[in-house]
N, C-alpha and C. Protein backbone atom coordinates (compact mmCIF):
# COMPACT_ATOMS: atom_id res chain seq x y z
N MET A 1 130.16 101.34 102.69
CA MET A 1 128.72 101.28 102.97
C MET A 1 128.09 100.15 102.16
N LEU A 2 127.17 99.45 102.77
CA LEU A 2 126.51 98.34 102.09
C LEU A 2 125.54 98.87 101.04
N GLU A 3 125.37 98.10 100.00
CA GLU A 3 124.41 98.48 98.96
C GLU A 3 123.00 98.34 99.50
N ARG A 4 122.08 99.01 98.84
CA ARG A 4 120.68 99.00 99.25
C ARG A 4 119.92 97.83 98.65
N CYS A 5 118.83 97.46 99.30
CA CYS A 5 117.91 96.42 98.85
C CYS A 5 117.49 96.72 97.40
N VAL A 6 117.39 95.69 96.57
CA VAL A 6 117.02 95.88 95.17
C VAL A 6 115.53 96.14 94.99
N TYR A 7 114.72 95.97 96.05
CA TYR A 7 113.29 96.21 95.95
C TYR A 7 113.05 97.70 95.74
N THR A 8 112.24 98.05 94.77
CA THR A 8 111.96 99.43 94.41
C THR A 8 111.56 100.27 95.62
N GLY A 9 112.29 101.35 95.83
CA GLY A 9 111.95 102.29 96.90
C GLY A 9 112.43 101.92 98.29
N CYS A 10 113.09 100.78 98.45
CA CYS A 10 113.56 100.35 99.76
C CYS A 10 114.96 100.89 100.01
N ASP A 11 115.15 101.55 101.14
CA ASP A 11 116.45 102.12 101.49
C ASP A 11 117.22 101.25 102.49
N ASN A 12 116.67 100.09 102.84
CA ASN A 12 117.36 99.21 103.78
C ASN A 12 118.56 98.54 103.10
N SER A 13 119.53 98.15 103.90
CA SER A 13 120.72 97.48 103.37
C SER A 13 120.41 96.07 102.91
N ARG A 14 121.13 95.64 101.87
CA ARG A 14 121.00 94.26 101.39
C ARG A 14 121.45 93.30 102.47
N ARG A 15 120.77 92.18 102.55
CA ARG A 15 121.16 91.15 103.49
C ARG A 15 121.28 89.80 102.83
N THR A 16 120.30 89.43 102.04
CA THR A 16 120.29 88.12 101.38
C THR A 16 119.84 88.25 99.93
N ARG A 17 120.69 87.82 99.02
CA ARG A 17 120.38 87.78 97.59
C ARG A 17 119.87 89.11 97.06
N GLY A 18 120.43 90.20 97.59
CA GLY A 18 120.10 91.53 97.12
C GLY A 18 118.95 92.20 97.85
N LEU A 19 118.28 91.46 98.71
CA LEU A 19 117.12 91.99 99.42
C LEU A 19 117.44 92.24 100.89
N CYS A 20 116.72 93.19 101.49
CA CYS A 20 116.81 93.38 102.94
C CYS A 20 116.10 92.19 103.60
N HIS A 21 116.24 92.08 104.90
CA HIS A 21 115.65 90.96 105.63
C HIS A 21 114.12 90.89 105.42
N GLY A 22 113.45 92.02 105.55
CA GLY A 22 111.99 92.03 105.43
C GLY A 22 111.50 91.60 104.07
N HIS A 23 112.10 92.12 103.01
CA HIS A 23 111.66 91.75 101.67
C HIS A 23 112.01 90.30 101.34
N TYR A 24 113.14 89.83 101.84
CA TYR A 24 113.50 88.43 101.60
C TYR A 24 112.49 87.49 102.27
N GLN A 25 112.05 87.83 103.48
CA GLN A 25 111.08 87.00 104.18
C GLN A 25 109.73 86.99 103.46
N VAL A 26 109.30 88.15 102.95
CA VAL A 26 108.06 88.21 102.18
C VAL A 26 108.16 87.34 100.94
N LEU A 27 109.28 87.45 100.23
CA LEU A 27 109.46 86.66 99.02
C LEU A 27 109.47 85.17 99.34
N ARG A 28 110.14 84.76 100.40
CA ARG A 28 110.16 83.34 100.80
C ARG A 28 108.75 82.83 101.04
N THR A 29 107.92 83.66 101.66
CA THR A 29 106.53 83.27 101.93
C THR A 29 105.78 83.07 100.61
N TYR A 30 105.94 84.00 99.67
CA TYR A 30 105.26 83.87 98.38
C TYR A 30 105.73 82.63 97.62
N ILE A 31 107.01 82.32 97.70
CA ILE A 31 107.53 81.11 97.04
C ILE A 31 106.93 79.87 97.67
N ARG A 32 106.90 79.80 98.98
CA ARG A 32 106.31 78.64 99.67
C ARG A 32 104.84 78.47 99.34
N GLN A 33 104.14 79.59 99.15
CA GLN A 33 102.71 79.54 98.83
C GLN A 33 102.46 79.22 97.35
N GLY A 34 103.53 79.14 96.57
CA GLY A 34 103.40 78.82 95.15
C GLY A 34 102.97 80.00 94.29
N LYS A 35 103.04 81.22 94.83
CA LYS A 35 102.63 82.41 94.08
C LYS A 35 103.69 82.86 93.08
N THR A 36 104.93 82.47 93.30
CA THR A 36 106.04 82.84 92.41
C THR A 36 107.16 81.82 92.63
N THR A 37 108.22 81.95 91.86
CA THR A 37 109.38 81.07 92.02
C THR A 37 110.65 81.92 92.09
N GLU A 38 111.72 81.32 92.60
CA GLU A 38 113.00 82.02 92.62
C GLU A 38 113.42 82.39 91.20
N ALA A 39 113.24 81.46 90.27
CA ALA A 39 113.63 81.70 88.87
C ALA A 39 112.90 82.91 88.30
N GLU A 40 111.59 83.03 88.56
CA GLU A 40 110.83 84.18 88.06
C GLU A 40 111.38 85.49 88.61
N GLN A 41 111.69 85.50 89.90
CA GLN A 41 112.18 86.72 90.54
C GLN A 41 113.59 87.07 90.09
N GLU A 42 114.44 86.06 89.86
CA GLU A 42 115.78 86.31 89.32
C GLU A 42 115.67 86.91 87.93
N GLN A 43 114.76 86.37 87.12
CA GLN A 43 114.57 86.84 85.75
C GLN A 43 114.11 88.30 85.72
N LYS A 44 113.29 88.70 86.69
CA LYS A 44 112.79 90.07 86.77
C LYS A 44 113.79 91.02 87.43
N GLY A 45 114.88 90.47 87.97
CA GLY A 45 115.88 91.31 88.62
C GLY A 45 115.54 91.67 90.05
N LEU A 46 114.57 90.97 90.64
CA LEU A 46 114.17 91.25 92.01
C LEU A 46 114.81 90.30 93.01
N LEU A 47 115.65 89.39 92.55
CA LEU A 47 116.36 88.45 93.41
C LEU A 47 117.67 88.10 92.73
N MET A 48 118.76 88.23 93.47
CA MET A 48 120.06 87.92 92.90
C MET A 48 120.30 86.41 92.98
N PRO A 49 121.11 85.86 92.09
CA PRO A 49 121.40 84.43 92.12
C PRO A 49 122.02 84.02 93.46
N LYS A 50 121.84 82.76 93.83
CA LYS A 50 122.42 82.26 95.08
C LYS A 50 123.91 82.53 95.12
N GLY A 51 124.40 82.90 96.32
CA GLY A 51 125.82 83.17 96.49
C GLY A 51 126.21 84.61 96.18
N THR A 52 125.23 85.45 95.86
CA THR A 52 125.51 86.86 95.58
C THR A 52 124.59 87.74 96.41
N GLY A 53 124.88 89.01 96.48
CA GLY A 53 123.97 89.98 97.09
C GLY A 53 123.91 89.98 98.59
N GLN A 54 124.89 89.42 99.26
CA GLN A 54 124.86 89.40 100.72
C GLN A 54 125.13 90.79 101.26
N GLY A 55 124.58 91.15 102.32
CA GLY A 55 124.75 92.43 102.95
C GLY A 55 123.74 92.57 104.08
N ARG A 56 123.03 93.62 104.53
CA ARG A 56 121.99 93.80 105.61
C ARG A 56 120.63 94.11 105.02
N VAL A 57 111.07 98.31 105.79
CA VAL A 57 110.21 97.83 104.67
C VAL A 57 108.98 98.73 104.55
N PRO A 58 109.47 99.12 103.41
CA PRO A 58 108.27 99.94 103.29
C PRO A 58 107.00 99.12 103.09
N ALA A 59 105.84 99.72 103.32
CA ALA A 59 104.56 99.03 103.14
C ALA A 59 104.38 98.60 101.69
N GLY A 60 103.74 97.46 101.50
CA GLY A 60 103.45 96.97 100.16
C GLY A 60 104.57 96.12 99.60
N HIS A 61 104.21 95.04 98.97
CA HIS A 61 105.19 94.13 98.39
C HIS A 61 104.72 93.65 97.03
N GLY A 62 103.97 94.48 96.34
CA GLY A 62 103.35 94.09 95.08
C GLY A 62 104.31 93.76 93.95
N ASP A 63 105.53 94.31 93.96
CA ASP A 63 106.45 94.04 92.86
C ASP A 63 106.72 92.55 92.68
N PHE A 64 106.74 91.78 93.79
CA PHE A 64 107.02 90.35 93.69
C PHE A 64 105.95 89.62 92.88
N LEU A 65 104.73 90.11 92.91
CA LEU A 65 103.64 89.44 92.21
C LEU A 65 103.24 90.15 90.92
N ASP A 66 103.85 91.28 90.63
CA ASP A 66 103.56 92.05 89.42
C ASP A 66 104.38 91.49 88.26
N PRO A 67 103.73 90.92 87.24
CA PRO A 67 104.46 90.32 86.13
C PRO A 67 105.34 91.31 85.36
N GLY A 68 105.03 92.60 85.44
CA GLY A 68 105.80 93.59 84.70
C GLY A 68 106.90 94.25 85.52
N ALA A 69 107.03 93.89 86.79
CA ALA A 69 108.01 94.53 87.66
C ALA A 69 109.43 94.12 87.32
N THR A 70 110.35 95.06 87.47
CA THR A 70 111.76 94.76 87.28
C THR A 70 112.55 95.42 88.39
N GLY A 71 113.74 94.89 88.66
CA GLY A 71 114.60 95.47 89.68
C GLY A 71 116.00 95.61 89.12
N ASP A 72 116.97 95.84 90.01
CA ASP A 72 118.33 96.03 89.53
C ASP A 72 119.28 94.98 90.10
N ALA A 73 118.79 93.78 90.40
CA ALA A 73 119.63 92.72 90.94
C ALA A 73 120.60 92.25 89.85
N LYS A 74 121.84 92.65 90.00
CA LYS A 74 122.87 92.31 89.00
C LYS A 74 124.10 91.86 89.70
């Protein structure tokens, strides 16, 4: 069985860098808008380093913009 998305409370399967498709797309949008960076999200454990976390949304995506949020991307 595939591991679950590292986003808090998400039961979807990991697809890209530890995130499900929906959460990865939200994060990409925030990065493009300059609201956060990949490095910040990796540091918080909400995004796995490139080349890891491959595999397969709840409402709300505040953890990506919450400076105190942490995840389990390892």
